[in-house]
Amino acid sequence: MTMKTNGMFTGKVAFVTGGSRGIGEAIVRRLAEEGAAVAFTYASAQEKADRLAKDIEAGGGRALALRADGADGEAVKRAVAEAAAKLGRVNILVNNAGLLDVKPYDAFTLDEFDRMVAVNVRAVFAAVQAAAPEMGEGDRIITIGSVNADASGFAGMSLYSMTKAAVAGMTRGLARDLSPRGITVNNVQPGPVDTDMNPAEGPFADFLRTLMAGGRYGKPAEIAAFVAYLASPEAGYITGASLDINGGFMI
């Protein structure tokens, strides 16, 4: 993995929550390849996180792996502050960490409800509160939401869909708050993507493929490429948007 010395994010600092695996890892790698110094959080996969950081550094980049449970908003804020202290002011914030739990509405405990809201919604707000005060013209905030904000697809998605719809609403409000300072705020809504959380050969895969016009799962690198575009100078006219990248899910 070789970093571009003249990439479009050279001189920038990115902070990615949930960056040790899956879509988050792909985003970390893409931003680093384009020259950004990247800090990312992980909840428990320390070995994977350390390996990713070492891989980036071996290629000439800068990376910082930070442990922070997404359910702990104060831990997320501390991680942002540590990243800024060690790498510099955050220019690109990617809220990727998320929790997916699928089961009937009456099978959830209220503690499970609170944890999913904490990880999928509250932590996003906490990260923005921590990073945005030092951000300015041309900086970017991007959240990884879900197509399930608009289309649940099947039973058992009530709570997850609710949290992703909340993220979409928050994105619009934050865009209004931060656009006067030249900061864009957007929400990327992937469809099924081949990760260990939802593998392309998993128990639901055949059914989910029937819901997509493209008939296939997305690749983490495809989501990362979309995020890189939204983080780039070319995307300066896009803000407050929830943008689907979903292979034609339920169209």
C-alpha atoms as a PDB file:
ATOM      1  CA  MET A   1       0.000   0.000   0.000  1.00  0.00           C
ATOM      2  CA  THR A   2       1.748   3.151  -1.270  1.00  0.00           C
ATOM      3  CA  MET A   3       0.595   6.645  -0.406  1.00  0.00           C
ATOM      4  CA  LYS A   4       0.402   9.378  -3.051  1.00  0.00           C
ATOM      5  CA  THR A   5       2.773  12.202  -2.233  1.00  0.00           C
ATOM      6  CA  ASN A   6       0.632  14.595  -4.269  1.00  0.00           C
ATOM      7  CA  GLY A   7      -2.780  13.077  -3.571  1.00  0.00           C
ATOM      8  CA  MET A   8      -5.883  15.230  -3.287  1.00  0.00           C
ATOM      9  CA  PHE A   9      -5.821  14.953   0.518  1.00  0.00           C
ATOM     10  CA  THR A  10      -2.121  15.637   1.043  1.00  0.00           C
ATOM     11  CA  GLY A  11      -1.784  17.896   4.080  1.00  0.00           C
ATOM     12  CA  LYS A  12      -5.244  16.986   5.347  1.00  0.00           C
ATOM     13  CA  VAL A  13      -6.185  15.089   8.507  1.00  0.00           C
ATOM     14  CA  ALA A  14      -9.061  12.620   8.476  1.00  0.00           C
ATOM     15  CA  PHE A  15     -10.835  11.000  11.395  1.00  0.00           C
ATOM     16  CA  VAL A  16     -12.862   7.824  10.755  1.00  0.00           C
ATOM     17  CA  THR A  17     -14.939   6.087  13.405  1.00  0.00           C
ATOM     18  CA  GLY A  18     -15.134   2.304  13.205  1.00  0.00           C
ATOM     19  CA  GLY A  19     -12.182   2.163  10.847  1.00  0.00           C
ATOM     20  CA  SER A  20     -10.570  -1.190  11.580  1.00  0.00           C
ATOM     21  CA  ARG A  21     -12.648  -3.393   9.277  1.00  0.00           C
ATOM     22  CA  GLY A  22     -15.214  -3.543   6.491  1.00  0.00           C
ATOM     23  CA  ILE A  23     -16.344  -0.265   4.957  1.00  0.00           C
ATOM     24  CA  GLY A  24     -14.433   1.708   7.581  1.00  0.00           C
ATOM     25  CA  GLU A  25     -11.133   0.024   6.728  1.00  0.00           C
ATOM     26  CA  ALA A  26     -11.690   0.675   3.025  1.00  0.00           C
ATOM     27  CA  ILE A  27     -12.341   4.358   3.762  1.00  0.00           C
ATOM     28  CA  VAL A  28      -9.222   4.634   5.929  1.00  0.00           C
ATOM     29  CA  ARG A  29      -7.118   3.057   3.186  1.00  0.00           C
ATOM     30  CA  ARG A  30      -8.563   5.241   0.417  1.00  0.00           C
ATOM     31  CA  LEU A  31      -8.101   8.505   2.306  1.00  0.00           C
ATOM     32  CA  ALA A  32      -4.554   7.507   3.278  1.00  0.00           C
ATOM     33  CA  GLU A  33      -3.717   6.525  -0.301  1.00  0.00           C
ATOM     34  CA  GLU A  34      -4.774  10.016  -1.352  1.00  0.00           C
ATOM     35  CA  GLY A  35      -2.328  11.558   1.117  1.00  0.00           C
ATOM     36  CA  ALA A  36      -4.375  12.203   4.261  1.00  0.00           C
ATOM     37  CA  ALA A  37      -3.062  11.498   7.734  1.00  0.00           C
ATOM     38  CA  VAL A  38      -5.790   9.251   9.129  1.00  0.00           C
ATOM     39  CA  ALA A  39      -6.865   8.587  12.697  1.00  0.00           C
ATOM     40  CA  PHE A  40      -9.490   5.923  13.184  1.00  0.00           C
ATOM     41  CA  THR A  41     -11.308   4.309  16.074  1.00  0.00           C
ATOM     42  CA  TYR A  42     -11.986   0.698  16.880  1.00  0.00           C
ATOM     43  CA  ALA A  43     -14.048  -0.874  19.640  1.00  0.00           C
ATOM     44  CA  SER A  44     -12.425  -4.270  20.130  1.00  0.00           C
ATOM     45  CA  ALA A  45     -10.464  -5.421  17.065  1.00  0.00           C
ATOM     46  CA  GLN A  46      -7.113  -4.097  18.258  1.00  0.00           C
ATOM     47  CA  GLU A  47      -5.032  -6.564  16.235  1.00  0.00           C
ATOM     48  CA  LYS A  48      -6.758  -5.554  12.997  1.00  0.00           C
ATOM     49  CA  ALA A  49      -6.501  -1.863  13.889  1.00  0.00           C
ATOM     50  CA  ASP A  50      -2.780  -2.065  14.658  1.00  0.00           C
ATOM     51  CA  ARG A  51      -2.138  -4.032  11.470  1.00  0.00           C
ATOM     52  CA  LEU A  52      -3.970  -1.430   9.382  1.00  0.00           C
ATOM     53  CA  ALA A  53      -2.052   1.463  10.944  1.00  0.00           C
ATOM     54  CA  LYS A  54       1.285  -0.307  10.397  1.00  0.00           C
ATOM     55  CA  ASP A  55       0.365  -1.078   6.792  1.00  0.00           C
ATOM     56  CA  ILE A  56      -0.342   2.590   6.098  1.00  0.00           C
ATOM     57  CA  GLU A  57       2.853   3.709   7.804  1.00  0.00           C
ATOM     58  CA  ALA A  58       4.882   1.125   5.890  1.00  0.00           C
ATOM     59  CA  GLY A  59       3.631   2.720   2.686  1.00  0.00           C
ATOM     60  CA  GLY A  60       4.805   6.150   3.775  1.00  0.00           C
ATOM     61  CA  GLY A  61       1.572   7.435   5.286  1.00  0.00           C
ATOM     62  CA  ARG A  62       0.517   8.500   8.766  1.00  0.00           C
ATOM     63  CA  ALA A  63      -2.096   6.607  10.758  1.00  0.00           C
ATOM     64  CA  LEU A  64      -3.300   6.498  14.334  1.00  0.00           C
ATOM     65  CA  ALA A  65      -5.502   3.733  15.775  1.00  0.00           C
ATOM     66  CA  LEU A  66      -7.541   4.769  18.816  1.00  0.00           C
ATOM     67  CA  ARG A  67      -9.753   2.587  20.985  1.00  0.00           C
ATOM     68  CA  ALA A  68     -13.195   4.125  21.545  1.00  0.00           C
ATOM     69  CA  ASP A  69     -16.512   2.380  22.106  1.00  0.00           C
ATOM     70  CA  GLY A  70     -19.039   4.029  19.809  1.00  0.00           C
ATOM     71  CA  ALA A  71     -21.671   3.799  22.535  1.00  0.00           C
ATOM     72  CA  ASP A  72     -19.582   6.129  24.719  1.00  0.00           C
ATOM     73  CA  GLY A  73     -19.947   9.628  23.329  1.00  0.00           C
ATOM     74  CA  GLU A  74     -17.309  11.044  25.645  1.00  0.00           C
ATOM     75  CA  ALA A  75     -14.808   8.399  24.478  1.00  0.00           C
ATOM     76  CA  VAL A  76     -15.482   9.434  20.886  1.00  0.00           C
ATOM     77  CA  LYS A  77     -14.874  13.075  21.799  1.00  0.00           C
ATOM     78  CA  ARG A  78     -11.606  12.187  23.532  1.00  0.00           C
ATOM     79  CA  ALA A  79     -10.471  10.239  20.470  1.00  0.00           C
ATOM     80  CA  VAL A  80     -11.126  13.245  18.212  1.00  0.00           C
ATOM     81  CA  ALA A  81      -9.154  15.463  20.577  1.00  0.00           C
ATOM     82  CA  GLU A  82      -6.245  13.003  20.678  1.00  0.00           C
ATOM     83  CA  ALA A  83      -6.197  12.749  16.899  1.00  0.00           C
ATOM     84  CA  ALA A  84      -6.078  16.534  16.560  1.00  0.00           C
ATOM     85  CA  ALA A  85      -3.286  16.784  19.150  1.00  0.00           C
ATOM     86  CA  LYS A  86      -1.131  14.164  17.414  1.00  0.00           C
ATOM     87  CA  LEU A  87      -1.903  14.687  13.728  1.00  0.00           C
ATOM     88  CA  GLY A  88      -3.332  18.195  13.498  1.00  0.00           C
ATOM     89  CA  ARG A  89      -6.736  19.792  13.046  1.00  0.00           C
ATOM     90  CA  VAL A  90      -9.316  17.424  11.581  1.00  0.00           C
ATOM     91  CA  ASN A  91     -10.393  18.373   8.047  1.00  0.00           C
ATOM     92  CA  ILE A  92     -12.421  15.281   7.138  1.00  0.00           C
ATOM     93  CA  LEU A  93     -14.708  13.566   9.636  1.00  0.00           C
ATOM     94  CA  VAL A  94     -16.235  10.245   8.592  1.00  0.00           C
ATOM     95  CA  ASN A  95     -18.793   8.785  10.989  1.00  0.00           C
ATOM     96  CA  ASN A  96     -18.729   5.132   9.982  1.00  0.00           C
ATOM     97  CA  ALA A  97     -19.123   3.146  13.212  1.00  0.00           C
ATOM     98  CA  GLY A  98     -22.488   1.447  13.387  1.00  0.00           C
ATOM     99  CA  LEU A  99     -24.441  -1.324  15.051  1.00  0.00           C
ATOM    100  CA  LEU A 100     -26.874  -3.623  13.231  1.00  0.00           C
ATOM    101  CA  ASP A 101     -29.261  -5.865  15.127  1.00  0.00           C
ATOM    102  CA  VAL A 102     -32.158  -7.461  13.270  1.00  0.00           C
ATOM    103  CA  LYS A 103     -35.048  -9.002  15.180  1.00  0.00           C
ATOM    104  CA  PRO A 104     -38.739  -8.428  15.877  1.00  0.00           C
ATOM    105  CA  TYR A 105     -39.605  -5.182  17.608  1.00  0.00           C
ATOM    106  CA  ASP A 106     -40.940  -7.000  20.680  1.00  0.00           C
ATOM    107  CA  ALA A 107     -37.694  -8.965  21.109  1.00  0.00           C
ATOM    108  CA  PHE A 108     -35.596  -5.857  21.804  1.00  0.00           C
ATOM    109  CA  THR A 109     -34.858  -4.827  25.358  1.00  0.00           C
ATOM    110  CA  LEU A 110     -34.769  -1.124  26.125  1.00  0.00           C
ATOM    111  CA  ASP A 111     -31.069  -1.458  26.909  1.00  0.00           C
ATOM    112  CA  GLU A 112     -30.532  -2.780  23.379  1.00  0.00           C
ATOM    113  CA  PHE A 113     -32.579   0.121  22.048  1.00  0.00           C
ATOM    114  CA  ASP A 114     -30.415   2.596  23.955  1.00  0.00           C
ATOM    115  CA  ARG A 115     -27.160   1.027  22.754  1.00  0.00           C
ATOM    116  CA  MET A 116     -28.134   1.094  19.081  1.00  0.00           C
ATOM    117  CA  VAL A 117     -29.208   4.710  19.351  1.00  0.00           C
ATOM    118  CA  ALA A 118     -25.991   5.534  21.203  1.00  0.00           C
ATOM    119  CA  VAL A 119     -23.749   3.988  18.547  1.00  0.00           C
ATOM    120  CA  ASN A 120     -25.689   4.910  15.403  1.00  0.00           C
ATOM    121  CA  VAL A 121     -26.943   8.377  16.338  1.00  0.00           C
ATOM    122  CA  ARG A 122     -25.536   9.824  19.558  1.00  0.00           C
ATOM    123  CA  ALA A 123     -21.905   9.038  18.664  1.00  0.00           C
ATOM    124  CA  VAL A 124     -22.312  10.811  15.321  1.00  0.00           C
ATOM    125  CA  PHE A 125     -23.470  13.947  17.096  1.00  0.00           C
ATOM    126  CA  ALA A 126     -20.656  13.657  19.661  1.00  0.00           C
ATOM    127  CA  ALA A 127     -17.998  13.382  16.950  1.00  0.00           C
ATOM    128  CA  VAL A 128     -19.368  16.424  15.144  1.00  0.00           C
ATOM    129  CA  GLN A 129     -19.433  18.411  18.374  1.00  0.00           C
ATOM    130  CA  ALA A 130     -15.785  17.478  18.969  1.00  0.00           C
ATOM    131  CA  ALA A 131     -14.426  18.078  15.466  1.00  0.00           C
ATOM    132  CA  ALA A 132     -16.530  20.862  13.954  1.00  0.00           C
ATOM    133  CA  PRO A 133     -15.409  23.788  16.173  1.00  0.00           C
ATOM    134  CA  GLU A 134     -11.934  23.655  14.613  1.00  0.00           C
ATOM    135  CA  MET A 135     -13.095  22.870  11.071  1.00  0.00           C
ATOM    136  CA  GLY A 136     -13.446  25.529   8.396  1.00  0.00           C
ATOM    137  CA  GLU A 137     -13.765  26.372   4.727  1.00  0.00           C
ATOM    138  CA  GLY A 138     -13.553  23.304   2.512  1.00  0.00           C
ATOM    139  CA  ASP A 139     -13.710  20.764   5.331  1.00  0.00           C
ATOM    140  CA  ARG A 140     -16.054  17.809   5.189  1.00  0.00           C
ATOM    141  CA  ILE A 141     -18.328  15.770   7.463  1.00  0.00           C
ATOM    142  CA  ILE A 142     -19.618  12.497   6.043  1.00  0.00           C
ATOM    143  CA  THR A 143     -21.744   9.906   7.815  1.00  0.00           C
ATOM    144  CA  ILE A 144     -22.283   6.342   6.652  1.00  0.00           C
ATOM    145  CA  GLY A 145     -26.008   5.811   6.981  1.00  0.00           C
ATOM    146  CA  SER A 146     -28.014   3.124   5.230  1.00  0.00           C
ATOM    147  CA  VAL A 147     -30.541   2.622   2.460  1.00  0.00           C
ATOM    148  CA  ASN A 148     -32.684   1.182   5.254  1.00  0.00           C
ATOM    149  CA  ALA A 149     -33.445   4.746   6.318  1.00  0.00           C
ATOM    150  CA  ASP A 150     -35.870   4.814   3.397  1.00  0.00           C
ATOM    151  CA  ALA A 151     -36.658   1.140   2.743  1.00  0.00           C
ATOM    152  CA  SER A 152     -36.549  -1.472   5.476  1.00  0.00           C
ATOM    153  CA  GLY A 153     -36.930  -4.334   3.015  1.00  0.00           C
ATOM    154  CA  PHE A 154     -38.032  -6.980   5.494  1.00  0.00           C
ATOM    155  CA  ALA A 155     -39.245  -7.490   9.050  1.00  0.00           C
ATOM    156  CA  GLY A 156     -36.965  -6.954  12.019  1.00  0.00           C
ATOM    157  CA  MET A 157     -35.456  -3.684  10.797  1.00  0.00           C
ATOM    158  CA  SER A 158     -37.561  -1.232  12.816  1.00  0.00           C
ATOM    159  CA  LEU A 159     -34.881  -0.058  15.216  1.00  0.00           C
ATOM    160  CA  TYR A 160     -31.976  -0.009  12.760  1.00  0.00           C
ATOM    161  CA  SER A 161     -34.061   1.821  10.164  1.00  0.00           C
ATOM    162  CA  MET A 162     -35.111   4.370  12.758  1.00  0.00           C
ATOM    163  CA  THR A 163     -31.508   5.179  13.674  1.00  0.00           C
ATOM    164  CA  LYS A 164     -30.481   5.601  10.044  1.00  0.00           C
ATOM    165  CA  ALA A 165     -33.471   7.840   9.347  1.00  0.00           C
ATOM    166  CA  ALA A 166     -32.378   9.926  12.331  1.00  0.00           C
ATOM    167  CA  VAL A 167     -28.908  10.281  10.822  1.00  0.00           C
ATOM    168  CA  ALA A 168     -30.441  11.534   7.567  1.00  0.00           C
ATOM    169  CA  GLY A 169     -32.431  14.166   9.446  1.00  0.00           C
ATOM    170  CA  MET A 170     -29.420  15.180  11.505  1.00  0.00           C
ATOM    171  CA  THR A 171     -27.394  15.605   8.326  1.00  0.00           C
ATOM    172  CA  ARG A 172     -29.843  18.156   6.951  1.00  0.00           C
ATOM    173  CA  GLY A 173     -29.850  20.128  10.194  1.00  0.00           C
ATOM    174  CA  LEU A 174     -26.064  20.101  10.558  1.00  0.00           C
ATOM    175  CA  ALA A 175     -25.660  21.230   6.958  1.00  0.00           C
ATOM    176  CA  ARG A 176     -27.705  24.317   7.790  1.00  0.00           C
ATOM    177  CA  ASP A 177     -25.649  24.942  10.923  1.00  0.00           C
ATOM    178  CA  LEU A 178     -22.232  24.497   9.323  1.00  0.00           C
ATOM    179  CA  SER A 179     -22.599  25.616   5.708  1.00  0.00           C
ATOM    180  CA  PRO A 180     -22.018  29.297   6.616  1.00  0.00           C
ATOM    181  CA  ARG A 181     -18.502  28.236   7.664  1.00  0.00           C
ATOM    182  CA  GLY A 182     -17.855  26.414   4.382  1.00  0.00           C
ATOM    183  CA  ILE A 183     -18.213  22.924   5.878  1.00  0.00           C
ATOM    184  CA  THR A 184     -20.295  20.414   3.959  1.00  0.00           C
ATOM    185  CA  VAL A 185     -22.267  17.674   5.730  1.00  0.00           C
ATOM    186  CA  ASN A 186     -23.505  14.619   3.837  1.00  0.00           C
ATOM    187  CA  ASN A 187     -24.917  11.166   4.463  1.00  0.00           C
ATOM    188  CA  VAL A 188     -23.924   8.136   2.360  1.00  0.00           C
ATOM    189  CA  GLN A 189     -26.570   5.395   2.287  1.00  0.00           C
ATOM    190  CA  PRO A 190     -25.107   2.053   1.154  1.00  0.00           C
ATOM    191  CA  GLY A 191     -27.161  -0.947   0.229  1.00  0.00           C
ATOM    192  CA  PRO A 192     -25.889  -4.452   1.045  1.00  0.00           C
ATOM    193  CA  VAL A 193     -22.083  -4.456   1.064  1.00  0.00           C
ATOM    194  CA  ASP A 194     -19.852  -7.497   1.360  1.00  0.00           C
ATOM    195  CA  THR A 195     -18.416  -7.226   4.882  1.00  0.00           C
ATOM    196  CA  ASP A 196     -18.136  -9.557   7.852  1.00  0.00           C
ATOM    197  CA  MET A 197     -21.308  -7.935   9.247  1.00  0.00           C
ATOM    198  CA  ASN A 198     -23.286  -8.810   6.108  1.00  0.00           C
ATOM    199  CA  PRO A 199     -21.248 -11.193   3.913  1.00  0.00           C
ATOM    200  CA  ALA A 200     -22.127 -11.753   0.279  1.00  0.00           C
ATOM    201  CA  GLU A 201     -22.304 -15.473   1.021  1.00  0.00           C
ATOM    202  CA  GLY A 202     -24.190 -15.081   4.310  1.00  0.00           C
ATOM    203  CA  PRO A 203     -27.601 -16.462   5.301  1.00  0.00           C
ATOM    204  CA  PHE A 204     -29.531 -13.466   3.909  1.00  0.00           C
ATOM    205  CA  ALA A 205     -27.433 -12.907   0.799  1.00  0.00           C
ATOM    206  CA  ASP A 206     -29.527 -14.757  -1.780  1.00  0.00           C
ATOM    207  CA  PHE A 207     -32.678 -12.972  -0.640  1.00  0.00           C
ATOM    208  CA  LEU A 208     -31.033  -9.542  -0.593  1.00  0.00           C
ATOM    209  CA  ARG A 209     -29.697  -9.993  -4.100  1.00  0.00           C
ATOM    210  CA  THR A 210     -33.275 -10.363  -5.341  1.00  0.00           C
ATOM    211  CA  LEU A 211     -34.003  -6.857  -4.003  1.00  0.00           C
ATOM    212  CA  MET A 212     -31.225  -5.201  -6.015  1.00  0.00           C
ATOM    213  CA  ALA A 213     -31.464  -4.292  -9.695  1.00  0.00           C
ATOM    214  CA  GLY A 214     -27.752  -4.980 -10.023  1.00  0.00           C
ATOM    215  CA  GLY A 215     -28.122  -8.402  -8.452  1.00  0.00           C
ATOM    216  CA  ARG A 216     -24.904  -8.187  -6.462  1.00  0.00           C
ATOM    217  CA  TYR A 217     -23.476  -6.906  -3.210  1.00  0.00           C
ATOM    218  CA  GLY A 218     -21.407  -3.756  -3.161  1.00  0.00           C
ATOM    219  CA  LYS A 219     -17.699  -3.746  -2.396  1.00  0.00           C
ATOM    220  CA  PRO A 220     -16.251  -1.733   0.491  1.00  0.00           C
ATOM    221  CA  ALA A 221     -13.865  -0.046  -1.952  1.00  0.00           C
ATOM    222  CA  GLU A 222     -16.845   1.262  -3.945  1.00  0.00           C
ATOM    223  CA  ILE A 223     -18.251   2.961  -0.855  1.00  0.00           C
ATOM    224  CA  ALA A 224     -14.811   4.329  -0.020  1.00  0.00           C
ATOM    225  CA  ALA A 225     -14.471   5.818  -3.508  1.00  0.00           C
ATOM    226  CA  PHE A 226     -17.797   7.621  -3.078  1.00  0.00           C
ATOM    227  CA  VAL A 227     -16.708   8.949   0.308  1.00  0.00           C
ATOM    228  CA  ALA A 228     -13.420  10.159  -1.188  1.00  0.00           C
ATOM    229  CA  TYR A 229     -15.355  12.092  -3.840  1.00  0.00           C
ATOM    230  CA  LEU A 230     -17.587  13.744  -1.230  1.00  0.00           C
ATOM    231  CA  ALA A 231     -14.484  14.670   0.760  1.00  0.00           C
ATOM    232  CA  SER A 232     -12.810  16.198  -2.301  1.00  0.00           C
ATOM    233  CA  PRO A 233     -12.864  19.840  -3.431  1.00  0.00           C
ATOM    234  CA  GLU A 234     -15.023  18.806  -6.415  1.00  0.00           C
ATOM    235  CA  ALA A 235     -17.968  18.055  -4.108  1.00  0.00           C
ATOM    236  CA  GLY A 236     -18.199  21.506  -2.573  1.00  0.00           C
ATOM    237  CA  TYR A 237     -21.718  22.108  -3.906  1.00  0.00           C
ATOM    238  CA  ILE A 238     -23.150  19.005  -2.222  1.00  0.00           C
ATOM    239  CA  THR A 239     -24.381  19.412   1.335  1.00  0.00           C
ATOM    240  CA  GLY A 240     -27.290  18.214   3.431  1.00  0.00           C
ATOM    241  CA  ALA A 241     -27.751  15.276   1.071  1.00  0.00           C
ATOM    242  CA  SER A 242     -28.507  11.623   1.722  1.00  0.00           C
ATOM    243  CA  LEU A 243     -26.986   9.825  -1.239  1.00  0.00           C
ATOM    244  CA  ASP A 244     -27.751   6.210  -2.116  1.00  0.00           C
ATOM    245  CA  ILE A 245     -25.072   3.826  -3.335  1.00  0.00           C
ATOM    246  CA  ASN A 246     -27.079   0.645  -3.303  1.00  0.00           C
ATOM    247  CA  GLY A 247     -27.046  -1.345  -6.542  1.00  0.00           C
ATOM    248  CA  GLY A 248     -30.665  -0.431  -7.190  1.00  0.00           C
ATOM    249  CA  PHE A 249     -31.987  -1.704  -3.864  1.00  0.00           C
ATOM    250  CA  MET A 250     -35.785  -1.920  -3.958  1.00  0.00           C
ATOM    251  CA  ILE A 251     -36.197   0.453  -6.890  1.00  0.00           C
END
